Amino acid sequence: MPTEARALQDFLGHWLLSKTIRQACGQTAAFDGTASWTASPDGAVYTERGTLNLAGAAPLTAERQYRWTDALDVFFDDGRFFHRVPPLGGRAAHWCDPDQYEVTYDFGTWPVFSAHWVVKGPRKDYSMACFYKPA
């Protein structure tokens, strides 16, 4: 069954977000929190908030923001382009010298969806699975 193309309006609202992060060295971390897309004049502001649990460390409060456009272009909060989300799901990439970020979006079980990241380079080497479901 083909995936329906996603538009920015499909993401607007509040979501539960969980992430599993695996470093190449074998260390793992988990993030549990929320994600929200809030309409703005030029698209939407994406905000994630939650708790990051690292093995052997006290839990950390974590927050991140991005800007999304109607074309599903994602920008860092400082205005730099990050990547474009494929409306049907699939792959996107971002070169952040000297590290390569690759993501695969899966909208096949919409409104539950995932983003799987692989980040490699001299400074970073990890994978991260992000799972979203309506709050």
Foldseek 3Di string as FASTA:
>chain_A
DFFDFAWLVLQADKKWKKKWKAAPVGWIKIWTWMWHWDQDPFGTKIKTWTWIGGPPDDIDTDMAIWGAGRQQFIGGPVGHTAWRAGRRWAKIWGCDVPKIKIWTKDCPPPPKIWIWIAMDDPVGGMIMIMIIDHD
